[in-house]
């Protein structure tokens, strides 16, 4: 899941070297924390949060297939 979010985010931003994804494992849920450069934050979130919502939808579908719940948090 981490690699999926990393690939999508690096394709969207101007500074792909600044993209960081950290994974926090729980018993039933995994939290992915996404951190990008301040200038790229708007590109990752998108207009009215559409890009972030699409990334969360893809992540949800992929994690369901693996049998685990994964949540994406975008950090400033």
PDB file of N, CA and C in Angstrom:
ATOM      1  N   UNK A   1       0.823  -1.186   0.000  1.00  0.00           N
ATOM      2  CA  UNK A   1       0.000   0.000   0.000  1.00  0.00           C
ATOM      3  C   UNK A   1       0.872   1.256   0.000  1.00  0.00           C
ATOM      4  N   UNK A   2       1.946   1.193   0.751  1.00  0.00           N
ATOM      5  CA  UNK A   2       2.842   2.335   0.847  1.00  0.00           C
ATOM      6  C   UNK A   2       3.427   2.678  -0.529  1.00  0.00           C
ATOM      7  N   UNK A   3       3.805   1.650  -1.274  1.00  0.00           N
ATOM      8  CA  UNK A   3       4.383   1.863  -2.598  1.00  0.00           C
ATOM      9  C   UNK A   3       3.369   2.458  -3.575  1.00  0.00           C
ATOM     10  N   UNK A   4       2.110   2.074  -3.445  1.00  0.00           N
ATOM     11  CA  UNK A   4       1.055   2.609  -4.301  1.00  0.00           C
ATOM     12  C   UNK A   4       0.906   4.112  -4.095  1.00  0.00           C
ATOM     13  N   UNK A   5       0.802   4.538  -2.851  1.00  0.00           N
ATOM     14  CA  UNK A   5       0.646   5.958  -2.535  1.00  0.00           C
ATOM     15  C   UNK A   5       1.906   6.726  -2.936  1.00  0.00           C
ATOM     16  N   UNK A   6       3.062   6.148  -2.722  1.00  0.00           N
ATOM     17  CA  UNK A   6       4.317   6.792  -3.096  1.00  0.00           C
ATOM     18  C   UNK A   6       4.384   7.023  -4.603  1.00  0.00           C
ATOM     19  N   UNK A   7       4.007   6.031  -5.376  1.00  0.00           N
ATOM     20  CA  UNK A   7       4.035   6.133  -6.838  1.00  0.00           C
ATOM     21  C   UNK A   7       3.056   7.197  -7.340  1.00  0.00           C
ATOM     22  N   UNK A   8       1.838   7.177  -6.831  1.00  0.00           N
ATOM     23  CA  UNK A   8       0.822   8.142  -7.265  1.00  0.00           C
ATOM     24  C   UNK A   8       1.253   9.561  -6.911  1.00  0.00           C
ATOM     25  N   UNK A   9       1.717   9.756  -5.699  1.00  0.00           N
ATOM     26  CA  UNK A   9       2.090  11.088  -5.230  1.00  0.00           C
ATOM     27  C   UNK A   9       3.291  11.640  -5.977  1.00  0.00           C
ATOM     28  N   UNK A  10       4.301  10.813  -6.200  1.00  0.00           N
ATOM     29  CA  UNK A  10       5.484  11.279  -6.929  1.00  0.00           C
ATOM     30  C   UNK A  10       5.139  11.668  -8.359  1.00  0.00           C
ATOM     31  N   UNK A  11       4.119  11.059  -8.930  1.00  0.00           N
ATOM     32  CA  UNK A  11       3.684  11.409 -10.278  1.00  0.00           C
ATOM     33  C   UNK A  11       2.956  12.749 -10.314  1.00  0.00           C
ATOM     34  N   UNK A  12       2.380  13.163  -9.195  1.00  0.00           N
ATOM     35  CA  UNK A  12       1.587  14.391  -9.144  1.00  0.00           C
ATOM     36  C   UNK A  12       2.405  15.648  -8.842  1.00  0.00           C
ATOM     37  N   UNK A  13       3.433  15.534  -8.040  1.00  0.00           N
ATOM     38  CA  UNK A  13       4.091  16.710  -7.485  1.00  0.00           C
ATOM     39  C   UNK A  13       5.265  17.194  -8.336  1.00  0.00           C
ATOM     40  N   UNK A  14       5.704  18.440  -8.068  1.00  0.00           N
ATOM     41  CA  UNK A  14       6.864  19.018  -8.751  1.00  0.00           C
ATOM     42  C   UNK A  14       8.179  18.598  -8.099  1.00  0.00           C
ATOM     43  N   UNK A  15       8.134  18.302  -6.802  1.00  0.00           N
ATOM     44  CA  UNK A  15       9.337  17.918  -6.067  1.00  0.00           C
ATOM     45  C   UNK A  15       9.182  16.489  -5.525  1.00  0.00           C
ATOM     46  N   UNK A  16       9.378  15.487  -6.364  1.00  0.00           N
ATOM     47  CA  UNK A  16       9.172  14.097  -5.916  1.00  0.00           C
ATOM     48  C   UNK A  16      10.157  13.637  -4.839  1.00  0.00           C
ATOM     49  N   UNK A  17      11.302  14.316  -4.718  1.00  0.00           N
ATOM     50  CA  UNK A  17      12.280  13.928  -3.693  1.00  0.00           C
ATOM     51  C   UNK A  17      11.799  14.264  -2.287  1.00  0.00           C
ATOM     52  N   UNK A  18      10.840  15.174  -2.173  1.00  0.00           N
ATOM     53  CA  UNK A  18      10.330  15.613  -0.871  1.00  0.00           C
ATOM     54  C   UNK A  18       9.187  14.731  -0.350  1.00  0.00           C
ATOM     55  N   UNK A  19       8.735  13.765  -1.138  1.00  0.00           N
ATOM     56  CA  UNK A  19       7.605  12.925  -0.748  1.00  0.00           C
ATOM     57  C   UNK A  19       8.056  11.893   0.274  1.00  0.00           C
ATOM     58  N   UNK A  20       7.332  11.829   1.390  1.00  0.00           N
ATOM     59  CA  UNK A  20       7.614  10.857   2.452  1.00  0.00           C
ATOM     60  C   UNK A  20       6.319  10.166   2.850  1.00  0.00           C
ATOM     61  N   UNK A  21       6.365   8.850   2.937  1.00  0.00           N
ATOM     62  CA  UNK A  21       5.208   8.081   3.384  1.00  0.00           C
ATOM     63  C   UNK A  21       5.668   7.206   4.545  1.00  0.00           C
ATOM     64  N   UNK A  22       5.027   7.370   5.695  1.00  0.00           N
ATOM     65  CA  UNK A  22       5.340   6.518   6.841  1.00  0.00           C
ATOM     66  C   UNK A  22       4.128   5.648   7.148  1.00  0.00           C
ATOM     67  N   UNK A  23       4.412   4.444   7.580  1.00  0.00           N
ATOM     68  CA  UNK A  23       3.374   3.444   7.804  1.00  0.00           C
ATOM     69  C   UNK A  23       3.295   3.112   9.289  1.00  0.00           C
ATOM     70  N   UNK A  24       2.087   3.211   9.842  1.00  0.00           N
ATOM     71  CA  UNK A  24       1.861   2.882  11.248  1.00  0.00           C
ATOM     72  C   UNK A  24       0.884   1.712  11.289  1.00  0.00           C
ATOM     73  N   UNK A  25       1.372   0.558  11.735  1.00  0.00           N
ATOM     74  CA  UNK A  25       0.552  -0.651  11.750  1.00  0.00           C
ATOM     75  C   UNK A  25      -0.217  -0.770  13.057  1.00  0.00           C
ATOM     76  N   UNK A  26      -1.500  -1.115  12.927  1.00  0.00           N
ATOM     77  CA  UNK A  26      -2.324  -1.436  14.075  1.00  0.00           C
ATOM     78  C   UNK A  26      -2.793  -2.868  13.942  1.00  0.00           C
ATOM     79  N   UNK A  27      -3.693  -3.288  14.811  1.00  0.00           N
ATOM     80  CA  UNK A  27      -4.188  -4.662  14.746  1.00  0.00           C
ATOM     81  C   UNK A  27      -5.035  -4.891  13.504  1.00  0.00           C
ATOM     82  N   UNK A  28      -5.970  -3.987  13.243  1.00  0.00           N
ATOM     83  CA  UNK A  28      -6.860  -4.154  12.101  1.00  0.00           C
ATOM     84  C   UNK A  28      -6.678  -3.071  11.051  1.00  0.00           C
ATOM     85  N   UNK A  29      -6.071  -1.963  11.428  1.00  0.00           N
ATOM     86  CA  UNK A  29      -5.958  -0.821  10.531  1.00  0.00           C
ATOM     87  C   UNK A  29      -4.512  -0.364  10.402  1.00  0.00           C
ATOM     88  N   UNK A  30      -4.130   0.014   9.195  1.00  0.00           N
ATOM     89  CA  UNK A  30      -2.827   0.601   8.943  1.00  0.00           C
ATOM     90  C   UNK A  30      -3.044   2.053   8.548  1.00  0.00           C
ATOM     91  N   UNK A  31      -2.263   2.948   9.142  1.00  0.00           N
ATOM     92  CA  UNK A  31      -2.360   4.371   8.828  1.00  0.00           C
ATOM     93  C   UNK A  31      -1.133   4.757   8.011  1.00  0.00           C
ATOM     94  N   UNK A  32      -1.363   5.358   6.849  1.00  0.00           N
ATOM     95  CA  UNK A  32      -0.285   5.870   6.022  1.00  0.00           C
ATOM     96  C   UNK A  32      -0.274   7.388   6.161  1.00  0.00           C
ATOM     97  N   UNK A  33       0.845   7.938   6.585  1.00  0.00           N
ATOM     98  CA  UNK A  33       0.984   9.382   6.724  1.00  0.00           C
ATOM     99  C   UNK A  33       1.803   9.897   5.551  1.00  0.00           C
ATOM    100  N   UNK A  34       1.214  10.795   4.776  1.00  0.00           N
ATOM    101  CA  UNK A  34       1.849  11.340   3.584  1.00  0.00           C
ATOM    102  C   UNK A  34       2.306  12.762   3.845  1.00  0.00           C
ATOM    103  N   UNK A  35       3.578  13.021   3.577  1.00  0.00           N
ATOM    104  CA  UNK A  35       4.133  14.359   3.758  1.00  0.00           C
ATOM    105  C   UNK A  35       4.793  14.778   2.448  1.00  0.00           C
ATOM    106  N   UNK A  36       4.421  15.972   1.950  1.00  0.00           N
ATOM    107  CA  UNK A  36       4.987  16.505   0.713  1.00  0.00           C
ATOM    108  C   UNK A  36       5.493  17.922   0.983  1.00  0.00           C
ATOM    109  N   UNK A  37       6.184  18.489  -0.011  1.00  0.00           N
ATOM    110  CA  UNK A  37       6.649  19.871   0.106  1.00  0.00           C
ATOM    111  C   UNK A  37       5.441  20.794   0.198  1.00  0.00           C
ATOM    112  N   UNK A  38       5.625  21.910   0.890  1.00  0.00           N
ATOM    113  CA  UNK A  38       4.528  22.853   1.115  1.00  0.00           C
ATOM    114  C   UNK A  38       3.908  23.336  -0.196  1.00  0.00           C
ATOM    115  N   UNK A  39       4.730  23.531  -1.223  1.00  0.00           N
ATOM    116  CA  UNK A  39       4.246  24.011  -2.517  1.00  0.00           C
ATOM    117  C   UNK A  39       3.391  22.962  -3.239  1.00  0.00           C
ATOM    118  N   UNK A  40       3.604  21.693  -2.935  1.00  0.00           N
ATOM    119  CA  UNK A  40       2.893  20.607  -3.613  1.00  0.00           C
ATOM    120  C   UNK A  40       1.652  20.143  -2.879  1.00  0.00           C
ATOM    121  N   UNK A  41       1.387  20.702  -1.722  1.00  0.00           N
ATOM    122  CA  UNK A  41       0.256  20.250  -0.917  1.00  0.00           C
ATOM    123  C   UNK A  41      -1.074  20.410  -1.658  1.00  0.00           C
ATOM    124  N   UNK A  42      -1.239  21.513  -2.355  1.00  0.00           N
ATOM    125  CA  UNK A  42      -2.468  21.752  -3.111  1.00  0.00           C
ATOM    126  C   UNK A  42      -2.664  20.756  -4.238  1.00  0.00           C
ATOM    127  N   UNK A  43      -1.584  20.325  -4.867  1.00  0.00           N
ATOM    128  CA  UNK A  43      -1.684  19.348  -5.950  1.00  0.00           C
ATOM    129  C   UNK A  43      -2.129  17.985  -5.437  1.00  0.00           C
ATOM    130  N   UNK A  44      -1.661  17.640  -4.248  1.00  0.00           N
ATOM    131  CA  UNK A  44      -2.022  16.341  -3.672  1.00  0.00           C
ATOM    132  C   UNK A  44      -3.473  16.350  -3.192  1.00  0.00           C
ATOM    133  N   UNK A  45      -3.917  17.469  -2.637  1.00  0.00           N
ATOM    134  CA  UNK A  45      -5.296  17.547  -2.156  1.00  0.00           C
ATOM    135  C   UNK A  45      -6.265  17.741  -3.313  1.00  0.00           C
ATOM    136  N   UNK A  46      -5.938  18.610  -4.253  1.00  0.00           N
ATOM    137  CA  UNK A  46      -6.792  18.840  -5.413  1.00  0.00           C
ATOM    138  C   UNK A  46      -7.940  19.779  -5.098  1.00  0.00           C
ATOM    139  N   UNK A  47      -8.671  20.152  -6.142  1.00  0.00           N
ATOM    140  CA  UNK A  47      -9.815  21.048  -5.961  1.00  0.00           C
ATOM    141  C   UNK A  47     -10.895  20.341  -5.164  1.00  0.00           C
ATOM    142  N   UNK A  48     -11.300  20.986  -4.077  1.00  0.00           N
ATOM    143  CA  UNK A  48     -12.321  20.475  -3.172  1.00  0.00           C
ATOM    144  C   UNK A  48     -11.996  19.070  -2.666  1.00  0.00           C
ATOM    145  N   UNK A  49     -10.705  18.726  -2.629  1.00  0.00           N
ATOM    146  CA  UNK A  49     -10.275  17.443  -2.084  1.00  0.00           C
ATOM    147  C   UNK A  49     -10.489  16.255  -3.003  1.00  0.00           C
ATOM    148  N   UNK A  50     -10.700  16.514  -4.282  1.00  0.00           N
ATOM    149  CA  UNK A  50     -11.001  15.416  -5.215  1.00  0.00           C
ATOM    150  C   UNK A  50      -9.832  14.456  -5.398  1.00  0.00           C
ATOM    151  N   UNK A  51      -8.617  14.989  -5.529  1.00  0.00           N
ATOM    152  CA  UNK A  51      -7.454  14.120  -5.729  1.00  0.00           C
ATOM    153  C   UNK A  51      -7.204  13.268  -4.491  1.00  0.00           C
ATOM    154  N   UNK A  52      -7.288  13.875  -3.318  1.00  0.00           N
ATOM    155  CA  UNK A  52      -7.091  13.126  -2.068  1.00  0.00           C
ATOM    156  C   UNK A  52      -8.169  12.059  -1.912  1.00  0.00           C
ATOM    157  N   UNK A  53      -9.403  12.390  -2.262  1.00  0.00           N
ATOM    158  CA  UNK A  53     -10.507  11.430  -2.165  1.00  0.00           C
ATOM    159  C   UNK A  53     -10.288  10.262  -3.129  1.00  0.00           C
ATOM    160  N   UNK A  54      -9.793  10.563  -4.332  1.00  0.00           N
ATOM    161  CA  UNK A  54      -9.523   9.507  -5.311  1.00  0.00           C
ATOM    162  C   UNK A  54      -8.404   8.587  -4.825  1.00  0.00           C
ATOM    163  N   UNK A  55      -7.369   9.177  -4.226  1.00  0.00           N
ATOM    164  CA  UNK A  55      -6.277   8.361  -3.690  1.00  0.00           C
ATOM    165  C   UNK A  55      -6.773   7.468  -2.557  1.00  0.00           C
ATOM    166  N   UNK A  56      -7.642   8.006  -1.712  1.00  0.00           N
ATOM    167  CA  UNK A  56      -8.199   7.204  -0.611  1.00  0.00           C
ATOM    168  C   UNK A  56      -9.098   6.084  -1.142  1.00  0.00           C
ATOM    169  N   UNK A  57      -9.822   6.360  -2.215  1.00  0.00           N
ATOM    170  CA  UNK A  57     -10.680   5.333  -2.815  1.00  0.00           C
ATOM    171  C   UNK A  57      -9.841   4.188  -3.374  1.00  0.00           C
ATOM    172  N   UNK A  58      -8.777   4.529  -4.104  1.00  0.00           N
ATOM    173  CA  UNK A  58      -7.876   3.500  -4.635  1.00  0.00           C
ATOM    174  C   UNK A  58      -7.223   2.699  -3.523  1.00  0.00           C
ATOM    175  N   UNK A  59      -6.802   3.389  -2.485  1.00  0.00           N
ATOM    176  CA  UNK A  59      -6.178   2.723  -1.346  1.00  0.00           C
ATOM    177  C   UNK A  59      -7.155   1.791  -0.649  1.00  0.00           C
ATOM    178  N   UNK A  60      -8.392   2.230  -0.512  1.00  0.00           N
ATOM    179  CA  UNK A  60      -9.417   1.392   0.114  1.00  0.00           C
ATOM    180  C   UNK A  60      -9.695   0.133  -0.681  1.00  0.00           C
ATOM    181  N   UNK A  61      -9.762   0.279  -2.009  1.00  0.00           N
ATOM    182  CA  UNK A  61     -10.012  -0.891  -2.857  1.00  0.00           C
ATOM    183  C   UNK A  61      -8.846  -1.872  -2.804  1.00  0.00           C
ATOM    184  N   UNK A  62      -7.634  -1.347  -2.854  1.00  0.00           N
ATOM    185  CA  UNK A  62      -6.455  -2.219  -2.816  1.00  0.00           C
ATOM    186  C   UNK A  62      -6.300  -2.898  -1.466  1.00  0.00           C
ATOM    187  N   UNK A  63      -6.586  -2.176  -0.382  1.00  0.00           N
ATOM    188  CA  UNK A  63      -6.417  -2.775   0.943  1.00  0.00           C
ATOM    189  C   UNK A  63      -7.515  -3.785   1.248  1.00  0.00           C
ATOM    190  N   UNK A  64      -8.713  -3.583   0.706  1.00  0.00           N
ATOM    191  CA  UNK A  64      -9.784  -4.554   0.883  1.00  0.00           C
ATOM    192  C   UNK A  64      -9.411  -5.879   0.241  1.00  0.00           C
ATOM    193  N   UNK A  65      -8.766  -5.797  -0.898  1.00  0.00           N
ATOM    194  CA  UNK A  65      -8.327  -7.008  -1.587  1.00  0.00           C
ATOM    195  C   UNK A  65      -7.310  -7.781  -0.747  1.00  0.00           C
ATOM    196  N   UNK A  66      -6.506  -7.056   0.032  1.00  0.00           N
ATOM    197  CA  UNK A  66      -5.521  -7.693   0.910  1.00  0.00           C
ATOM    198  C   UNK A  66      -6.124  -8.125   2.243  1.00  0.00           C
ATOM    199  N   UNK A  67      -7.357  -7.714   2.501  1.00  0.00           N
ATOM    200  CA  UNK A  67      -8.031  -8.117   3.734  1.00  0.00           C
ATOM    201  C   UNK A  67      -7.699  -7.259   4.934  1.00  0.00           C
ATOM    202  N   UNK A  68      -7.246  -6.045   4.718  1.00  0.00           N
ATOM    203  CA  UNK A  68      -6.904  -5.147   5.813  1.00  0.00           C
ATOM    204  C   UNK A  68      -7.415  -3.754   5.490  1.00  0.00           C
ATOM    205  N   UNK A  69      -7.654  -2.958   6.505  1.00  0.00           N
ATOM    206  CA  UNK A  69      -8.143  -1.590   6.312  1.00  0.00           C
ATOM    207  C   UNK A  69      -6.964  -0.635   6.385  1.00  0.00           C
ATOM    208  N   UNK A  70      -6.884   0.277   5.418  1.00  0.00           N
ATOM    209  CA  UNK A  70      -5.798   1.246   5.382  1.00  0.00           C
ATOM    210  C   UNK A  70      -6.375   2.645   5.258  1.00  0.00           C
ATOM    211  N   UNK A  71      -5.823   3.575   6.041  1.00  0.00           N
ATOM    212  CA  UNK A  71      -6.294   4.963   6.067  1.00  0.00           C
ATOM    213  C   UNK A  71      -5.141   5.859   5.630  1.00  0.00           C
ATOM    214  N   UNK A  72      -5.453   6.864   4.804  1.00  0.00           N
ATOM    215  CA  UNK A  72      -4.439   7.824   4.352  1.00  0.00           C
ATOM    216  C   UNK A  72      -4.649   9.159   5.058  1.00  0.00           C
ATOM    217  N   UNK A  73      -3.570   9.651   5.676  1.00  0.00           N
ATOM    218  CA  UNK A  73      -3.592  10.981   6.289  1.00  0.00           C
ATOM    219  C   UNK A  73      -2.541  11.830   5.594  1.00  0.00           C
ATOM    220  N   UNK A  74      -2.960  13.020   5.159  1.00  0.00           N
ATOM    221  CA  UNK A  74      -2.051  13.944   4.491  1.00  0.00           C
ATOM    222  C   UNK A  74      -1.619  14.986   5.509  1.00  0.00           C
ATOM    223  N   UNK A  75      -0.332  15.013   5.806  1.00  0.00           N
ATOM    224  CA  UNK A  75       0.217  15.928   6.806  1.00  0.00           C
ATOM    225  C   UNK A  75       0.724  17.203   6.154  1.00  0.00           C
ATOM    226  N   UNK A  76       0.644  18.302   6.890  1.00  0.00           N
ATOM    227  CA  UNK A  76       1.164  19.573   6.380  1.00  0.00           C
ATOM    228  C   UNK A  76       2.606  19.745   6.751  1.00  0.00           C
TER     229      UNK A  76
END
